[in-house]
């Protein structure tokens, strides 16, 4: 990289050897390699456009704001587990099993990871040991599994391509990558037989959202232009095109999973906690209290 000094700031370039000039770049900018003043000015215009873009990006970042959080009581929100029951147990240990605060699990307990069966059992047992203190929201992967049981050759058929094979395997059911209709039907029957009797009704009864004060927990997203209690089920489960780029204007904040982020964040009316546990080994919880959000990761 060749550094060029102007009266404004150092500018760098790798194009055509760089620029050279004095303190009046409008008159004395030329290309170092071809010695063309016209080309030098063209390169300068390109650099100024890049610089303007970087300033715009920086301004957009600097105008993002930390959320004003006003829950009725402190609570934990746990991101997508995806069959990583070992990480779940570690995170619960970090939170503290004796903690009296509410714990909200944001969905996607199954698929992709190695032990969906044990994950569902652990969450079912926990929710029944601490009734009223543990809430498990429905994720799109649980919805796909229920659809598979209800309609294995119709709307449920895609589940096997979205991590369903791993969940079936955790119950001792193996299907090929591209199963036939007969194989899907057989797998559906085997899954219904393998699921402990309380699990399926428990999954079907899972809520799509939970809130405390101005903080709402959902699996995927909310439409930023709709009131929290007027959201479509599909949006809560699968996302919304404007959710990640548009701040809410009603003072509410949405805690969500579904979209994997490198680091959890608390900005612009969103708290993002899905750190891709099945890929990264990092399962994350947010501890939300009055005007505070702390992150805990495995």
Protein backbone atom coordinates (compact mmCIF):
# COMPACT_ATOMS: atom_id res chain seq x y z
CA UNK A 1 0.00 0.00 0.00
CA UNK A 2 1.32 3.50 -0.86
CA UNK A 3 0.42 6.33 1.52
CA UNK A 4 -0.35 9.73 0.03
CA UNK A 5 -0.47 12.95 2.01
CA UNK A 6 -2.99 15.63 1.12
CA UNK A 7 -4.10 18.73 3.00
CA UNK A 8 -7.04 16.61 4.30
CA UNK A 9 -5.64 13.28 5.63
CA UNK A 10 -3.48 10.32 4.50
CA UNK A 11 -5.14 8.33 1.71
CA UNK A 12 -4.01 4.85 0.68
CA UNK A 13 -4.27 3.07 -2.61
CA UNK A 14 -3.20 -0.09 -4.39
CA UNK A 15 -4.39 1.09 -7.79
CA UNK A 16 -1.83 1.93 -10.46
CA UNK A 17 0.96 2.52 -7.98
CA UNK A 18 -0.76 5.25 -5.97
CA UNK A 19 -1.03 9.00 -6.01
CA UNK A 20 1.53 11.74 -5.41
CA UNK A 21 0.94 15.40 -4.78
CA UNK A 22 1.61 18.43 -2.69
CA UNK A 23 -0.51 20.57 -0.45
CA UNK A 24 -2.90 21.60 -3.23
CA UNK A 25 -4.24 18.26 -4.48
CA UNK A 26 -6.77 19.82 -6.82
CA UNK A 27 -3.88 21.17 -8.91
CA UNK A 28 -1.02 18.74 -8.32
CA UNK A 29 -2.45 15.21 -8.08
CA UNK A 30 -1.11 12.75 -10.60
CA UNK A 31 -0.71 9.01 -10.94
CA UNK A 32 2.65 7.77 -9.66
CA UNK A 33 2.88 5.04 -12.28
CA UNK A 34 1.52 6.58 -15.49
CA UNK A 35 2.25 10.23 -14.47
CA UNK A 36 -1.16 11.27 -15.78
CA UNK A 37 -2.79 14.15 -13.94
CA UNK A 38 -6.19 13.14 -15.37
CA UNK A 39 -5.77 9.60 -14.02
CA UNK A 40 -4.57 10.99 -10.71
CA UNK A 41 -7.68 13.11 -10.33
CA UNK A 42 -9.86 10.12 -11.26
CA UNK A 43 -8.18 8.06 -8.54
CA UNK A 44 -8.71 10.88 -6.04
CA UNK A 45 -12.44 11.01 -6.86
CA UNK A 46 -12.64 7.25 -6.31
CA UNK A 47 -10.91 7.56 -2.95
CA UNK A 48 -13.20 10.37 -1.85
CA UNK A 49 -16.22 8.21 -2.67
CA UNK A 50 -14.76 5.33 -0.62
CA UNK A 51 -14.01 7.71 2.23
CA UNK A 52 -17.54 9.11 2.12
CA UNK A 53 -18.93 5.58 2.26
CA UNK A 54 -16.79 4.74 5.28
CA UNK A 55 -17.91 7.91 7.02
CA UNK A 56 -21.52 7.01 6.28
CA UNK A 57 -21.04 3.51 7.72
CA UNK A 58 -19.38 4.94 10.80
CA UNK A 59 -22.18 7.46 11.26
CA UNK A 60 -24.79 4.69 11.02
CA UNK A 61 -22.92 2.69 13.66
CA UNK A 62 -22.50 5.67 15.94
CA UNK A 63 -26.22 6.49 15.78
CA UNK A 64 -27.20 3.00 16.96
CA UNK A 65 -28.33 3.16 20.55
CA UNK A 66 -28.33 0.84 23.52
CA UNK A 67 -31.80 -0.24 24.54
CA UNK A 68 -33.71 1.24 27.45
CA UNK A 69 -34.83 -1.90 29.28
CA UNK A 70 -37.71 -1.85 31.76
CA UNK A 71 -38.77 -5.42 32.54
CA UNK A 72 -41.15 -5.96 35.44
CA UNK A 73 -38.56 -8.29 36.99
CA UNK A 74 -35.12 -9.58 35.97
CA UNK A 75 -35.00 -12.67 33.76
CA UNK A 76 -32.70 -14.83 31.64
CA UNK A 77 -33.23 -15.47 27.93
CA UNK A 78 -31.38 -18.42 26.37
CA UNK A 79 -30.52 -18.65 22.67
CA UNK A 80 -30.89 -21.56 20.23
CA UNK A 81 -29.67 -24.85 21.74
CA UNK A 82 -30.05 -27.11 18.66
CA UNK A 83 -29.49 -30.44 20.37
CA UNK A 84 -26.43 -29.38 22.38
CA UNK A 85 -27.61 -30.69 25.74
CA UNK A 86 -24.07 -30.64 27.15
CA UNK A 87 -23.83 -26.88 26.55
CA UNK A 88 -27.28 -26.43 28.07
CA UNK A 89 -26.15 -28.10 31.28
CA UNK A 90 -22.99 -25.99 31.41
CA UNK A 91 -24.97 -22.78 30.89
CA UNK A 92 -27.51 -23.71 33.56
CA UNK A 93 -24.59 -24.26 35.91
CA UNK A 94 -23.25 -20.81 35.07
CA UNK A 95 -26.65 -19.24 35.65
CA UNK A 96 -27.09 -21.11 38.90
CA UNK A 97 -29.80 -23.69 39.37
CA UNK A 98 -30.97 -21.98 42.56
CA UNK A 99 -31.56 -18.68 40.81
CA UNK A 100 -35.13 -17.55 41.37
CA UNK A 101 -35.38 -15.44 38.22
CA UNK A 102 -37.48 -16.40 35.24
CA UNK A 103 -35.70 -18.29 32.45
CA UNK A 104 -37.06 -17.97 28.91
CA UNK A 105 -35.79 -20.36 26.24
CA UNK A 106 -36.13 -18.83 22.79
CA UNK A 107 -36.85 -21.96 20.72
CA UNK A 108 -34.92 -24.25 18.37
CA UNK A 109 -34.07 -26.91 20.92
CA UNK A 110 -33.75 -29.64 18.31
CA UNK A 111 -32.05 -30.43 14.97
CA UNK A 112 -28.48 -29.92 13.73
CA UNK A 113 -26.78 -30.80 17.05
CA UNK A 114 -26.04 -34.28 18.43
CA UNK A 115 -28.72 -34.93 21.07
CA UNK A 116 -32.13 -33.39 20.49
CA UNK A 117 -33.91 -36.13 22.43
CA UNK A 118 -31.95 -35.42 25.61
CA UNK A 119 -32.35 -31.66 25.13
CA UNK A 120 -36.14 -31.90 24.95
CA UNK A 121 -36.22 -34.13 28.02
CA UNK A 122 -33.97 -31.76 29.99
CA UNK A 123 -36.12 -28.74 29.14
CA UNK A 124 -39.38 -30.60 29.82
CA UNK A 125 -38.10 -31.75 33.22
CA UNK A 126 -36.80 -28.26 34.09
CA UNK A 127 -40.08 -26.57 33.15
CA UNK A 128 -42.00 -28.99 35.34
CA UNK A 129 -39.60 -28.68 38.28
CA UNK A 130 -39.95 -24.90 38.16
CA UNK A 131 -43.52 -24.24 37.01
CA UNK A 132 -44.11 -20.58 36.27
CA UNK A 133 -40.38 -19.85 36.31
CA UNK A 134 -39.35 -21.57 33.07
CA UNK A 135 -40.90 -20.68 29.71
CA UNK A 136 -40.05 -22.53 26.50
CA UNK A 137 -41.05 -20.67 23.34
CA UNK A 138 -41.77 -22.46 20.09
CA UNK A 139 -39.06 -22.25 17.45
CA UNK A 140 -39.38 -22.89 13.73
CA UNK A 141 -37.58 -26.23 14.10
CA UNK A 142 -40.07 -27.51 16.68
CA UNK A 143 -42.85 -26.31 14.37
CA UNK A 144 -41.32 -28.26 11.48
CA UNK A 145 -41.14 -31.41 13.61
CA UNK A 146 -44.80 -31.09 14.57
CA UNK A 147 -45.67 -30.52 10.89
CA UNK A 148 -43.73 -33.66 10.01
CA UNK A 149 -45.72 -35.73 12.49
CA UNK A 150 -49.00 -34.25 11.20
CA UNK A 151 -48.21 -34.35 7.47
CA UNK A 152 -44.96 -36.23 6.68
CA UNK A 153 -45.47 -36.19 2.92
CA UNK A 154 -46.80 -32.65 2.71
CA UNK A 155 -45.74 -29.58 4.63
CA UNK A 156 -43.63 -31.66 6.99
CA UNK A 157 -41.49 -33.33 4.33
CA UNK A 158 -38.84 -30.58 4.30
CA UNK A 159 -37.96 -31.12 7.96
CA UNK A 160 -35.46 -33.88 7.19
CA UNK A 161 -33.45 -31.40 5.12
CA UNK A 162 -33.34 -28.78 7.91
CA UNK A 163 -31.75 -30.86 10.64
CA UNK A 164 -34.55 -33.36 11.17
CA UNK A 165 -32.29 -36.29 10.36
CA UNK A 166 -30.15 -35.49 13.40
CA UNK A 167 -33.21 -35.34 15.64
CA UNK A 168 -34.50 -38.64 14.29
CA UNK A 169 -31.08 -40.19 14.86
CA UNK A 170 -31.16 -39.07 18.50
CA UNK A 171 -34.27 -41.27 18.87
CA UNK A 172 -32.57 -44.18 17.10
CA UNK A 173 -34.27 -43.58 13.74
CA UNK A 174 -32.09 -43.45 10.63
CA UNK A 175 -33.23 -42.19 7.24
CA UNK A 176 -31.23 -41.47 4.09
CA UNK A 177 -30.37 -37.95 2.96
CA UNK A 178 -33.09 -38.14 0.32
CA UNK A 179 -35.79 -40.38 1.81
CA UNK A 180 -38.58 -41.93 -0.19
CA UNK A 181 -42.23 -41.43 0.68
CA UNK A 182 -42.34 -44.82 2.37
CA UNK A 183 -39.24 -44.02 4.39
CA UNK A 184 -40.76 -40.72 5.55
CA UNK A 185 -43.95 -42.44 6.63
CA UNK A 186 -42.02 -45.11 8.50
CA UNK A 187 -39.87 -42.48 10.20
CA UNK A 188 -42.96 -40.53 11.24
CA UNK A 189 -44.53 -43.59 12.84
CA UNK A 190 -41.24 -44.46 14.57
CA UNK A 191 -40.84 -40.92 15.92
CA UNK A 192 -44.35 -40.85 17.36
CA UNK A 193 -43.64 -44.17 19.07
CA UNK A 194 -40.26 -43.02 20.40
CA UNK A 195 -41.36 -39.66 21.81
CA UNK A 196 -42.20 -39.82 25.52
CA UNK A 197 -45.96 -39.33 25.81
CA UNK A 198 -45.89 -35.82 27.39
CA UNK A 199 -43.40 -34.30 24.92
CA UNK A 200 -45.60 -33.77 21.86
CA UNK A 201 -48.51 -32.07 23.71
CA UNK A 202 -45.94 -29.92 25.51
CA UNK A 203 -44.40 -28.86 22.17
CA UNK A 204 -47.77 -28.05 20.65
CA UNK A 205 -48.69 -25.88 23.63
CA UNK A 206 -45.53 -23.75 23.53
CA UNK A 207 -46.22 -20.01 23.26
CA UNK A 208 -44.81 -17.85 20.47
CA UNK A 209 -43.88 -14.90 22.69
CA UNK A 210 -43.37 -13.83 26.29
CA UNK A 211 -42.95 -10.37 27.74
CA UNK A 212 -42.05 -8.49 30.87
CA UNK A 213 -42.53 -4.74 30.84
CA UNK A 214 -41.24 -3.32 27.58
CA UNK A 215 -39.12 -6.40 26.76
CA UNK A 216 -40.54 -9.09 24.46
CA UNK A 217 -39.02 -12.52 23.85
CA UNK A 218 -39.63 -14.34 20.57
CA UNK A 219 -37.82 -16.95 18.55
CA UNK A 220 -37.02 -15.13 15.31
CA UNK A 221 -38.29 -11.58 14.90
CA UNK A 222 -41.04 -9.00 15.07
CA UNK A 223 -42.33 -6.67 12.40
CA UNK A 224 -40.98 -3.32 13.65
CA UNK A 225 -44.06 -1.50 12.36
CA UNK A 226 -46.61 -3.73 14.12
CA UNK A 227 -47.51 -3.71 17.79
CA UNK A 228 -46.00 -6.64 19.70
CA UNK A 229 -49.40 -8.22 20.31
CA UNK A 230 -50.37 -7.91 16.63
CA UNK A 231 -47.54 -9.97 15.11
CA UNK A 232 -48.05 -12.76 12.57
CA UNK A 233 -47.07 -16.25 13.70
CA UNK A 234 -44.86 -16.68 10.64
CA UNK A 235 -42.89 -13.54 11.57
CA UNK A 236 -42.33 -14.72 15.15
CA UNK A 237 -41.12 -18.12 13.93
CA UNK A 238 -39.27 -17.36 10.70
CA UNK A 239 -38.33 -13.67 10.75
CA UNK A 240 -39.13 -10.40 9.00
CA UNK A 241 -37.18 -8.59 6.30
CA UNK A 242 -37.12 -5.28 8.19
CA UNK A 243 -36.38 -6.65 11.65
CA UNK A 244 -32.58 -6.53 11.64
CA UNK A 245 -32.31 -3.15 9.93
CA UNK A 246 -35.11 -1.05 11.38
CA UNK A 247 -35.36 0.19 14.94
CA UNK A 248 -38.73 0.05 16.70
CA UNK A 249 -40.35 3.39 17.50
CA UNK A 250 -42.66 2.27 20.33
CA UNK A 251 -40.08 1.85 23.10
CA UNK A 252 -40.27 -1.94 23.11
CA UNK A 253 -37.24 -4.21 22.83
CA UNK A 254 -37.20 -7.69 21.26
CA UNK A 255 -35.00 -10.50 22.57
CA UNK A 256 -34.51 -13.09 19.84
CA UNK A 257 -32.55 -16.04 18.54
CA UNK A 258 -32.81 -17.68 15.07
CA UNK A 259 -30.20 -15.47 13.39
CA UNK A 260 -26.66 -16.51 14.29
CA UNK A 261 -24.42 -13.64 15.42
CA UNK A 262 -20.71 -13.69 16.17
CA UNK A 263 -21.27 -11.81 19.41
CA UNK A 264 -24.49 -11.13 21.34
CA UNK A 265 -25.66 -7.53 21.26
CA UNK A 266 -28.06 -5.12 22.94
CA UNK A 267 -28.80 -2.30 20.48
CA UNK A 268 -31.47 -0.72 18.33
CA UNK A 269 -34.53 -2.29 20.02
CA UNK A 270 -33.06 -5.81 19.67
CA UNK A 271 -31.15 -8.19 21.94
CA UNK A 272 -29.56 -10.92 19.80
CA UNK A 273 -28.40 -14.08 21.59
CA UNK A 274 -28.04 -16.91 19.03
CA UNK A 275 -24.29 -17.53 18.92
CA UNK A 276 -24.58 -20.75 16.87
CA UNK A 277 -24.10 -23.28 19.67
CA UNK A 278 -24.02 -26.34 17.40
CA UNK A 279 -21.28 -24.76 15.24
CA UNK A 280 -19.28 -22.73 17.75
CA UNK A 281 -19.72 -24.44 21.11
CA UNK A 282 -21.04 -21.12 22.48
CA UNK A 283 -24.52 -21.14 23.96
CA UNK A 284 -25.51 -17.69 25.20
CA UNK A 285 -27.99 -16.29 27.69
CA UNK A 286 -28.91 -12.66 28.28
CA UNK A 287 -29.64 -11.52 31.82
CA UNK A 288 -32.09 -8.64 31.44
CA UNK A 289 -32.89 -6.27 34.29
CA UNK A 290 -33.74 -2.59 34.72
CA UNK A 291 -31.59 -0.66 32.22
CA UNK A 292 -29.10 -3.54 32.07
CA UNK A 293 -28.30 -6.52 29.88
CA UNK A 294 -25.46 -8.92 30.69
CA UNK A 295 -24.41 -11.84 28.49
CA UNK A 296 -23.28 -15.26 29.71
CA UNK A 297 -21.77 -17.75 27.25
CA UNK A 298 -20.37 -21.25 27.54
